[in-house]
Amino acid sequence: MIISLTYLDGNVAINNDQQLLPDDFQQVKAVYELAQISYPHGAPWQENQFILDVQSDQSIYFCVYEHNQLIAFLSFRLMFDQIEIDHVVVHPNWQNKHIAQQLCQRLFEYATKHEVVEIFLEVRQSNYKAYQLYQKVGFEQIAIRKAYYHAPIEDALIMRKTIGKVD
């Protein structure tokens, strides 16, 4: 599922939960192309993987548009009372405008509404900028996954944010 958000006057807002069709391949192509130019080593997934992910019942994409141009997205999987973030991507020309932080805030609102208890993510050890963002919005590092990433080989830092009560 793709949920459309708008970037206007420095704010990211949900368009009344406007959902785009998961078979809108132009939107998925735009997601892939944004990932391709935004990740330092190119998109971590092939375009076909994004297509399959968008069509999955568990995957949700918050896509941020400015004048109908995709400028950022956050993708995650909702599984029972947990969320796992797969991607937080902001176009290089739109970075340092707090868009990723606002996407995280929209995710936390979504998580609260859907009674999510915990949110997990993993980040490259060298991605200090992302690590700082995640700490700033309340994630804590809980583990290290050795040699998780490839091209180049690098450890993943596993982070968690508690949203609701843990039973």
N, C-alpha and C. Protein backbone atom coordinates (compact mmCIF):
# COMPACT_ATOMS: atom_id res chain seq x y z
N MET A 1 0.84 -1.16 0.00
CA MET A 1 0.00 0.00 0.00
C MET A 1 0.90 1.24 0.00
N ILE A 2 0.50 2.24 -0.77
CA ILE A 2 1.20 3.51 -0.79
C ILE A 2 0.26 4.57 -0.24
N ILE A 3 0.71 5.29 0.78
CA ILE A 3 -0.05 6.40 1.34
C ILE A 3 0.65 7.68 0.92
N SER A 4 -0.09 8.54 0.26
CA SER A 4 0.47 9.78 -0.29
C SER A 4 0.50 10.87 0.78
N LEU A 5 1.64 11.54 0.88
CA LEU A 5 1.80 12.67 1.77
C LEU A 5 2.27 13.86 0.94
N THR A 6 2.02 15.06 1.45
CA THR A 6 2.40 16.28 0.74
C THR A 6 3.40 17.06 1.56
N TYR A 7 4.40 17.60 0.87
CA TYR A 7 5.36 18.50 1.50
C TYR A 7 4.97 19.91 1.10
N LEU A 8 4.58 20.72 2.09
CA LEU A 8 4.13 22.08 1.82
C LEU A 8 4.58 22.98 2.96
N ASP A 9 5.25 24.06 2.61
CA ASP A 9 5.71 25.04 3.60
C ASP A 9 6.52 24.39 4.72
N GLY A 10 7.36 23.42 4.37
CA GLY A 10 8.24 22.79 5.34
C GLY A 10 7.60 21.70 6.18
N ASN A 11 6.37 21.33 5.87
CA ASN A 11 5.67 20.31 6.66
C ASN A 11 5.23 19.14 5.79
N VAL A 12 5.32 17.95 6.38
CA VAL A 12 4.86 16.73 5.72
C VAL A 12 3.50 16.39 6.32
N ALA A 13 2.48 16.32 5.46
CA ALA A 13 1.12 16.04 5.92
C ALA A 13 0.51 14.92 5.10
N ILE A 14 -0.26 14.07 5.76
CA ILE A 14 -0.97 12.99 5.08
C ILE A 14 -2.17 13.58 4.37
N ASN A 15 -2.39 13.16 3.13
CA ASN A 15 -3.52 13.62 2.32
C ASN A 15 -4.77 12.81 2.65
N ASN A 16 -5.30 12.96 3.84
CA ASN A 16 -6.51 12.22 4.23
C ASN A 16 -6.38 10.73 3.93
N ASP A 17 -5.23 10.17 4.24
CA ASP A 17 -4.95 8.76 3.99
C ASP A 17 -5.20 8.37 2.54
N GLN A 18 -4.90 9.27 1.62
CA GLN A 18 -5.06 8.96 0.20
C GLN A 18 -4.13 7.81 -0.16
N GLN A 19 -4.72 6.73 -0.65
CA GLN A 19 -3.94 5.56 -1.02
C GLN A 19 -3.82 5.46 -2.52
N LEU A 20 -2.63 5.14 -2.97
CA LEU A 20 -2.40 4.91 -4.39
C LEU A 20 -2.45 3.41 -4.63
N LEU A 21 -2.83 3.02 -5.81
CA LEU A 21 -2.95 1.60 -6.12
C LEU A 21 -1.58 0.93 -6.16
N PRO A 22 -1.45 -0.27 -5.57
CA PRO A 22 -0.15 -0.95 -5.57
C PRO A 22 0.27 -1.40 -6.96
N ASP A 23 -0.64 -1.36 -7.93
CA ASP A 23 -0.24 -1.73 -9.28
C ASP A 23 0.06 -0.49 -10.13
N ASP A 24 0.21 0.66 -9.48
CA ASP A 24 0.62 1.88 -10.17
C ASP A 24 2.14 1.82 -10.32
N PHE A 25 2.58 1.16 -11.39
CA PHE A 25 4.01 0.89 -11.55
C PHE A 25 4.83 2.15 -11.77
N GLN A 26 4.20 3.24 -12.22
CA GLN A 26 4.93 4.50 -12.36
C GLN A 26 5.38 4.99 -10.98
N GLN A 27 4.50 4.82 -9.99
CA GLN A 27 4.86 5.23 -8.63
C GLN A 27 5.98 4.35 -8.07
N VAL A 28 5.89 3.05 -8.33
CA VAL A 28 6.93 2.13 -7.85
C VAL A 28 8.25 2.42 -8.55
N LYS A 29 8.20 2.72 -9.82
CA LYS A 29 9.41 3.07 -10.57
C LYS A 29 10.05 4.34 -9.96
N ALA A 30 9.21 5.30 -9.60
CA ALA A 30 9.71 6.53 -8.97
C ALA A 30 10.36 6.22 -7.62
N VAL A 31 9.78 5.30 -6.85
CA VAL A 31 10.36 4.88 -5.57
C VAL A 31 11.74 4.26 -5.81
N TYR A 32 11.81 3.35 -6.77
CA TYR A 32 13.09 2.70 -7.07
C TYR A 32 14.14 3.73 -7.51
N GLU A 33 13.76 4.63 -8.40
CA GLU A 33 14.71 5.63 -8.90
C GLU A 33 15.18 6.56 -7.78
N LEU A 34 14.29 6.91 -6.87
CA LEU A 34 14.68 7.75 -5.73
C LEU A 34 15.67 6.99 -4.84
N ALA A 35 15.40 5.73 -4.59
CA ALA A 35 16.34 4.91 -3.80
C ALA A 35 17.68 4.81 -4.52
N GLN A 36 17.65 4.65 -5.82
CA GLN A 36 18.88 4.49 -6.60
C GLN A 36 19.80 5.71 -6.46
N ILE A 37 19.23 6.91 -6.47
CA ILE A 37 20.09 8.11 -6.38
C ILE A 37 20.36 8.55 -4.95
N SER A 38 19.60 8.04 -3.98
CA SER A 38 19.73 8.52 -2.61
C SER A 38 20.65 7.68 -1.74
N TYR A 39 20.72 6.38 -2.00
CA TYR A 39 21.62 5.53 -1.23
C TYR A 39 23.04 5.69 -1.79
N PRO A 40 24.03 5.76 -0.92
CA PRO A 40 25.41 5.95 -1.39
C PRO A 40 25.90 4.87 -2.36
N HIS A 41 25.39 3.65 -2.23
CA HIS A 41 25.83 2.54 -3.08
C HIS A 41 24.71 2.09 -4.02
N GLY A 42 23.75 2.98 -4.29
CA GLY A 42 22.62 2.63 -5.14
C GLY A 42 21.53 1.93 -4.34
N ALA A 43 20.40 1.71 -4.98
CA ALA A 43 19.26 1.07 -4.31
C ALA A 43 19.65 -0.31 -3.79
N PRO A 44 19.27 -0.61 -2.55
CA PRO A 44 19.59 -1.92 -1.99
C PRO A 44 18.73 -3.05 -2.58
N TRP A 45 17.64 -2.70 -3.24
CA TRP A 45 16.76 -3.67 -3.87
C TRP A 45 16.67 -3.37 -5.36
N GLN A 46 16.36 -4.39 -6.12
CA GLN A 46 16.07 -4.21 -7.54
C GLN A 46 14.64 -3.67 -7.68
N GLU A 47 14.34 -3.11 -8.83
CA GLU A 47 13.01 -2.54 -9.06
C GLU A 47 11.91 -3.58 -8.84
N ASN A 48 12.14 -4.81 -9.28
CA ASN A 48 11.16 -5.87 -9.12
C ASN A 48 10.88 -6.17 -7.63
N GLN A 49 11.90 -6.05 -6.79
CA GLN A 49 11.70 -6.27 -5.35
C GLN A 49 10.79 -5.19 -4.77
N PHE A 50 10.95 -3.94 -5.23
CA PHE A 50 10.06 -2.88 -4.77
C PHE A 50 8.63 -3.16 -5.22
N ILE A 51 8.45 -3.62 -6.46
CA ILE A 51 7.12 -3.94 -6.97
C ILE A 51 6.46 -5.00 -6.09
N LEU A 52 7.18 -6.08 -5.81
CA LEU A 52 6.62 -7.15 -4.97
C LEU A 52 6.33 -6.66 -3.56
N ASP A 53 7.20 -5.81 -3.04
CA ASP A 53 7.01 -5.30 -1.69
C ASP A 53 5.77 -4.42 -1.60
N VAL A 54 5.61 -3.51 -2.54
CA VAL A 54 4.44 -2.63 -2.54
C VAL A 54 3.15 -3.44 -2.63
N GLN A 55 3.19 -4.55 -3.33
CA GLN A 55 1.99 -5.38 -3.49
C GLN A 55 1.72 -6.28 -2.28
N SER A 56 2.67 -6.39 -1.38
CA SER A 56 2.50 -7.22 -0.19
C SER A 56 1.46 -6.60 0.75
N ASP A 57 0.68 -7.46 1.39
CA ASP A 57 -0.34 -6.98 2.33
C ASP A 57 0.27 -6.33 3.57
N GLN A 58 1.48 -6.71 3.93
CA GLN A 58 2.10 -6.16 5.14
C GLN A 58 2.89 -4.88 4.91
N SER A 59 3.25 -4.56 3.68
CA SER A 59 4.11 -3.41 3.41
C SER A 59 3.31 -2.14 3.18
N ILE A 60 3.81 -1.07 3.77
CA ILE A 60 3.18 0.24 3.64
C ILE A 60 4.28 1.24 3.29
N TYR A 61 3.98 2.11 2.35
CA TYR A 61 4.91 3.15 1.92
C TYR A 61 4.27 4.51 2.18
N PHE A 62 4.96 5.36 2.93
CA PHE A 62 4.59 6.77 3.05
C PHE A 62 5.42 7.50 2.00
N CYS A 63 4.79 7.99 0.96
CA CYS A 63 5.49 8.68 -0.13
C CYS A 63 5.18 10.17 -0.06
N VAL A 64 6.23 10.98 -0.01
CA VAL A 64 6.09 12.43 0.11
C VAL A 64 6.28 13.08 -1.26
N TYR A 65 5.29 13.88 -1.64
CA TYR A 65 5.31 14.56 -2.93
C TYR A 65 5.32 16.07 -2.72
N GLU A 66 6.07 16.74 -3.57
CA GLU A 66 6.05 18.19 -3.64
C GLU A 66 5.77 18.52 -5.09
N HIS A 67 4.60 19.12 -5.35
CA HIS A 67 4.16 19.39 -6.73
C HIS A 67 4.22 18.13 -7.59
N ASN A 68 3.64 17.05 -7.10
CA ASN A 68 3.56 15.76 -7.80
C ASN A 68 4.90 15.09 -8.07
N GLN A 69 5.96 15.58 -7.46
CA GLN A 69 7.30 14.99 -7.59
C GLN A 69 7.63 14.24 -6.30
N LEU A 70 7.97 12.95 -6.42
CA LEU A 70 8.35 12.17 -5.24
C LEU A 70 9.68 12.68 -4.71
N ILE A 71 9.69 13.11 -3.44
CA ILE A 71 10.92 13.64 -2.85
C ILE A 71 11.43 12.80 -1.67
N ALA A 72 10.57 11.91 -1.15
CA ALA A 72 10.98 11.09 0.00
C ALA A 72 10.00 9.94 0.19
N PHE A 73 10.46 8.89 0.84
CA PHE A 73 9.54 7.83 1.25
C PHE A 73 10.09 7.10 2.47
N LEU A 74 9.17 6.52 3.20
CA LEU A 74 9.49 5.65 4.33
C LEU A 74 8.65 4.40 4.11
N SER A 75 9.30 3.24 4.08
CA SER A 75 8.55 1.99 3.90
C SER A 75 8.74 1.13 5.13
N PHE A 76 7.69 0.39 5.44
CA PHE A 76 7.73 -0.45 6.65
C PHE A 76 6.76 -1.60 6.50
N ARG A 77 6.92 -2.57 7.38
CA ARG A 77 6.01 -3.71 7.44
C ARG A 77 5.35 -3.73 8.80
N LEU A 78 4.03 -3.84 8.78
CA LEU A 78 3.25 -3.95 10.00
C LEU A 78 2.95 -5.42 10.21
N MET A 79 3.42 -5.96 11.34
CA MET A 79 3.21 -7.37 11.66
C MET A 79 2.70 -7.45 13.11
N PHE A 80 1.39 -7.66 13.22
CA PHE A 80 0.73 -7.74 14.52
C PHE A 80 0.94 -6.44 15.28
N ASP A 81 1.72 -6.46 16.37
CA ASP A 81 1.92 -5.25 17.16
C ASP A 81 3.34 -4.68 17.00
N GLN A 82 3.99 -5.02 15.88
CA GLN A 82 5.33 -4.51 15.62
C GLN A 82 5.43 -3.95 14.21
N ILE A 83 6.32 -3.00 14.06
CA ILE A 83 6.65 -2.44 12.75
C ILE A 83 8.14 -2.62 12.54
N GLU A 84 8.50 -2.98 11.30
CA GLU A 84 9.90 -3.00 10.92
C GLU A 84 10.08 -2.06 9.74
N ILE A 85 10.91 -1.04 9.94
CA ILE A 85 11.20 -0.07 8.89
C ILE A 85 12.20 -0.69 7.92
N ASP A 86 11.89 -0.60 6.62
CA ASP A 86 12.80 -1.09 5.59
C ASP A 86 13.63 0.04 4.98
N HIS A 87 12.99 1.17 4.72
CA HIS A 87 13.69 2.27 4.04
C HIS A 87 13.22 3.62 4.58
N VAL A 88 14.15 4.53 4.75
CA VAL A 88 13.86 5.94 4.95
C VAL A 88 14.74 6.66 3.94
N VAL A 89 14.12 7.24 2.91
CA VAL A 89 14.86 7.80 1.79
C VAL A 89 14.38 9.22 1.52
N VAL A 90 15.33 10.14 1.41
CA VAL A 90 15.03 11.53 1.05
C VAL A 90 15.95 11.91 -0.10
N HIS A 91 15.37 12.48 -1.14
CA HIS A 91 16.15 12.92 -2.30
C HIS A 91 17.29 13.82 -1.82
N PRO A 92 18.50 13.64 -2.38
CA PRO A 92 19.64 14.46 -1.94
C PRO A 92 19.37 15.97 -1.95
N ASN A 93 18.59 16.47 -2.89
CA ASN A 93 18.29 17.90 -2.95
C ASN A 93 17.33 18.36 -1.85
N TRP A 94 16.70 17.41 -1.18
CA TRP A 94 15.71 17.74 -0.16
C TRP A 94 16.18 17.37 1.25
N GLN A 95 17.40 16.91 1.37
CA GLN A 95 17.92 16.55 2.70
C GLN A 95 18.18 17.81 3.53
N ASN A 96 18.29 17.61 4.83
CA ASN A 96 18.51 18.69 5.80
C ASN A 96 17.33 19.65 5.90
N LYS A 97 16.13 19.16 5.61
CA LYS A 97 14.90 19.95 5.75
C LYS A 97 13.94 19.28 6.74
N HIS A 98 14.45 18.34 7.51
CA HIS A 98 13.70 17.62 8.55
C HIS A 98 12.58 16.74 7.99
N ILE A 99 12.68 16.37 6.72
CA ILE A 99 11.65 15.53 6.11
C ILE A 99 11.68 14.12 6.71
N ALA A 100 12.86 13.54 6.87
CA ALA A 100 12.96 12.19 7.45
C ALA A 100 12.42 12.18 8.88
N GLN A 101 12.72 13.22 9.63
CA GLN A 101 12.22 13.30 11.00
C GLN A 101 10.69 13.39 11.00
N GLN A 102 10.13 14.17 10.08
CA GLN A 102 8.67 14.28 10.00
C GLN A 102 8.04 12.97 9.54
N LEU A 103 8.71 12.26 8.64
CA LEU A 103 8.21 10.94 8.23
C LEU A 103 8.15 10.00 9.43
N CYS A 104 9.19 10.04 10.25
CA CYS A 104 9.19 9.21 11.47
C CYS A 104 8.03 9.60 12.38
N GLN A 105 7.77 10.88 12.52
CA GLN A 105 6.65 11.32 13.36
C GLN A 105 5.31 10.82 12.81
N ARG A 106 5.13 10.88 11.48
CA ARG A 106 3.90 10.35 10.87
C ARG A 106 3.80 8.84 11.15
N LEU A 107 4.94 8.15 11.09
CA LEU A 107 4.95 6.72 11.39
C LEU A 107 4.55 6.47 12.84
N PHE A 108 5.05 7.26 13.76
CA PHE A 108 4.71 7.07 15.18
C PHE A 108 3.22 7.30 15.41
N GLU A 109 2.64 8.27 14.71
CA GLU A 109 1.19 8.50 14.81
C GLU A 109 0.42 7.29 14.27
N TYR A 110 0.88 6.77 13.14
CA TYR A 110 0.27 5.58 12.55
C TYR A 110 0.39 4.40 13.52
N ALA A 111 1.56 4.24 14.11
CA ALA A 111 1.80 3.13 15.03
C ALA A 111 0.89 3.22 16.25
N THR A 112 0.74 4.39 16.80
CA THR A 112 -0.13 4.58 17.96
C THR A 112 -1.58 4.24 17.59
N LYS A 113 -2.01 4.71 16.43
CA LYS A 113 -3.38 4.46 15.97
C LYS A 113 -3.63 2.96 15.78
N HIS A 114 -2.60 2.21 15.38
CA HIS A 114 -2.75 0.78 15.12
C HIS A 114 -2.23 -0.09 16.27
N GLU A 115 -2.07 0.51 17.45
CA GLU A 115 -1.70 -0.20 18.68
C GLU A 115 -0.40 -0.98 18.55
N VAL A 116 0.57 -0.39 17.88
CA VAL A 116 1.90 -0.99 17.74
C VAL A 116 2.65 -0.81 19.05
N VAL A 117 3.39 -1.83 19.44
CA VAL A 117 4.16 -1.79 20.68
C VAL A 117 5.60 -1.35 20.41
N GLU A 118 6.23 -1.91 19.37
CA GLU A 118 7.63 -1.61 19.10
C GLU A 118 7.87 -1.40 17.60
N ILE A 119 8.85 -0.55 17.31
CA ILE A 119 9.30 -0.33 15.94
C ILE A 119 10.78 -0.67 15.88
N PHE A 120 11.17 -1.44 14.87
CA PHE A 120 12.56 -1.85 14.70
C PHE A 120 13.10 -1.34 13.37
N LEU A 121 14.40 -1.18 13.31
CA LEU A 121 15.08 -0.84 12.06
C LEU A 121 16.53 -1.27 12.19
N GLU A 122 17.19 -1.29 11.04
CA GLU A 122 18.63 -1.53 11.03
C GLU A 122 19.26 -0.45 10.16
N VAL A 123 20.46 -0.06 10.51
CA VAL A 123 21.15 1.01 9.81
C VAL A 123 22.63 0.65 9.68
N ARG A 124 23.21 1.00 8.54
CA ARG A 124 24.65 0.76 8.35
C ARG A 124 25.44 1.47 9.45
N GLN A 125 26.45 0.80 9.94
CA GLN A 125 27.27 1.38 11.00
C GLN A 125 27.89 2.71 10.56
N SER A 126 28.22 2.84 9.29
CA SER A 126 28.85 4.07 8.80
C SER A 126 27.86 5.20 8.52
N ASN A 127 26.55 4.90 8.56
CA ASN A 127 25.54 5.92 8.26
C ASN A 127 25.23 6.73 9.51
N TYR A 128 26.21 7.52 9.90
CA TYR A 128 26.13 8.26 11.15
C TYR A 128 24.98 9.27 11.15
N LYS A 129 24.73 9.89 10.01
CA LYS A 129 23.66 10.88 9.90
C LYS A 129 22.30 10.23 10.21
N ALA A 130 22.04 9.06 9.62
CA ALA A 130 20.79 8.35 9.87
C ALA A 130 20.72 7.88 11.33
N TYR A 131 21.85 7.37 11.83
CA TYR A 131 21.90 6.90 13.22
C TYR A 131 21.53 8.04 14.17
N GLN A 132 22.07 9.23 13.92
CA GLN A 132 21.76 10.39 14.77
C GLN A 132 20.27 10.74 14.69
N LEU A 133 19.71 10.69 13.49
CA LEU A 133 18.28 10.97 13.33
C LEU A 133 17.46 9.99 14.15
N TYR A 134 17.78 8.70 14.03
CA TYR A 134 17.00 7.69 14.74
C TYR A 134 17.11 7.87 16.25
N GLN A 135 18.28 8.21 16.73
CA GLN A 135 18.42 8.49 18.17
C GLN A 135 17.59 9.71 18.57
N LYS A 136 17.62 10.73 17.73
CA LYS A 136 16.89 11.97 18.02
C LYS A 136 15.39 11.72 18.15
N VAL A 137 14.85 10.79 17.34
CA VAL A 137 13.40 10.53 17.40
C VAL A 137 13.05 9.39 18.36
N GLY A 138 14.03 8.93 19.15
CA GLY A 138 13.71 8.01 20.23
C GLY A 138 14.10 6.56 20.08
N PHE A 139 14.82 6.21 19.01
CA PHE A 139 15.29 4.84 18.87
C PHE A 139 16.53 4.63 19.72
N GLU A 140 16.70 3.39 20.19
CA GLU A 140 17.91 3.01 20.93
C GLU A 140 18.54 1.81 20.25
N GLN A 141 19.86 1.77 20.26
CA GLN A 141 20.55 0.62 19.67
C GLN A 141 20.44 -0.56 20.63
N ILE A 142 20.05 -1.72 20.08
CA ILE A 142 19.88 -2.90 20.93
C ILE A 142 20.79 -4.06 20.54
N ALA A 143 21.37 -4.01 19.33
CA ALA A 143 22.23 -5.12 18.89
C ALA A 143 23.03 -4.71 17.66
N ILE A 144 23.98 -5.57 17.31
CA ILE A 144 24.77 -5.41 16.09
C ILE A 144 24.66 -6.70 15.30
N ARG A 145 24.37 -6.57 14.02
CA ARG A 145 24.32 -7.73 13.12
C ARG A 145 25.59 -7.67 12.27
N LYS A 146 26.52 -8.56 12.55
CA LYS A 146 27.84 -8.55 11.90
C LYS A 146 27.75 -8.83 10.40
N ALA A 147 28.49 -8.07 9.64
CA ALA A 147 28.65 -8.26 8.19
C ALA A 147 27.31 -8.42 7.48
N TYR A 148 26.33 -7.66 7.89
CA TYR A 148 24.99 -7.77 7.32
C TYR A 148 24.90 -7.16 5.92
N TYR A 149 25.50 -6.01 5.76
CA TYR A 149 25.44 -5.31 4.47
C TYR A 149 26.57 -5.75 3.56
N HIS A 150 26.32 -5.62 2.27
CA HIS A 150 27.32 -5.95 1.26
C HIS A 150 27.53 -4.73 0.37
N ALA A 151 28.66 -4.71 -0.29
CA ALA A 151 29.03 -3.64 -1.24
C ALA A 151 29.00 -2.27 -0.59
N PRO A 152 29.80 -1.97 0.37
CA PRO A 152 30.79 -2.82 1.02
C PRO A 152 30.21 -3.60 2.20
N ILE A 153 30.94 -4.63 2.61
CA ILE A 153 30.54 -5.43 3.77
C ILE A 153 30.63 -4.55 5.01
N GLU A 154 29.55 -4.56 5.78
CA GLU A 154 29.49 -3.68 6.94
C GLU A 154 28.46 -4.21 7.93
N ASP A 155 28.68 -3.90 9.21
CA ASP A 155 27.74 -4.30 10.25
C ASP A 155 26.47 -3.45 10.19
N ALA A 156 25.39 -4.03 10.66
CA ALA A 156 24.12 -3.31 10.81
C ALA A 156 23.88 -3.08 12.30
N LEU A 157 23.48 -1.89 12.63
CA LEU A 157 23.09 -1.57 14.00
C LEU A 157 21.57 -1.75 14.08
N ILE A 158 21.12 -2.57 15.00
CA ILE A 158 19.69 -2.83 15.18
C ILE A 158 19.18 -1.85 16.23
N MET A 159 18.10 -1.16 15.87
CA MET A 159 17.55 -0.15 16.78
C MET A 159 16.07 -0.42 17.02
N ARG A 160 15.60 0.06 18.17
CA ARG A 160 14.20 -0.16 18.56
C ARG A 160 13.64 1.09 19.22
N LYS A 161 12.37 1.31 18.96
CA LYS A 161 11.63 2.37 19.68
C LYS A 161 10.36 1.72 20.22
N THR A 162 10.13 1.91 21.51
CA THR A 162 8.92 1.40 22.14
C THR A 162 7.84 2.46 22.02
N ILE A 163 6.69 2.04 21.53
CA ILE A 163 5.56 2.97 21.32
C ILE A 163 4.49 2.74 22.38
N GLY A 164 4.06 1.49 22.53
CA GLY A 164 2.99 1.15 23.47
C GLY A 164 3.53 0.33 24.61
N LYS A 165 2.62 -0.23 25.38
CA LYS A 165 3.01 -1.07 26.51
C LYS A 165 3.45 -2.43 26.03
N VAL A 166 4.57 -2.91 26.57
CA VAL A 166 5.05 -4.26 26.29
C VAL A 166 4.50 -5.17 27.37
N ASP A 167 3.77 -6.23 26.96
CA ASP A 167 3.19 -7.17 27.94
C ASP A 167 4.23 -8.12 28.47
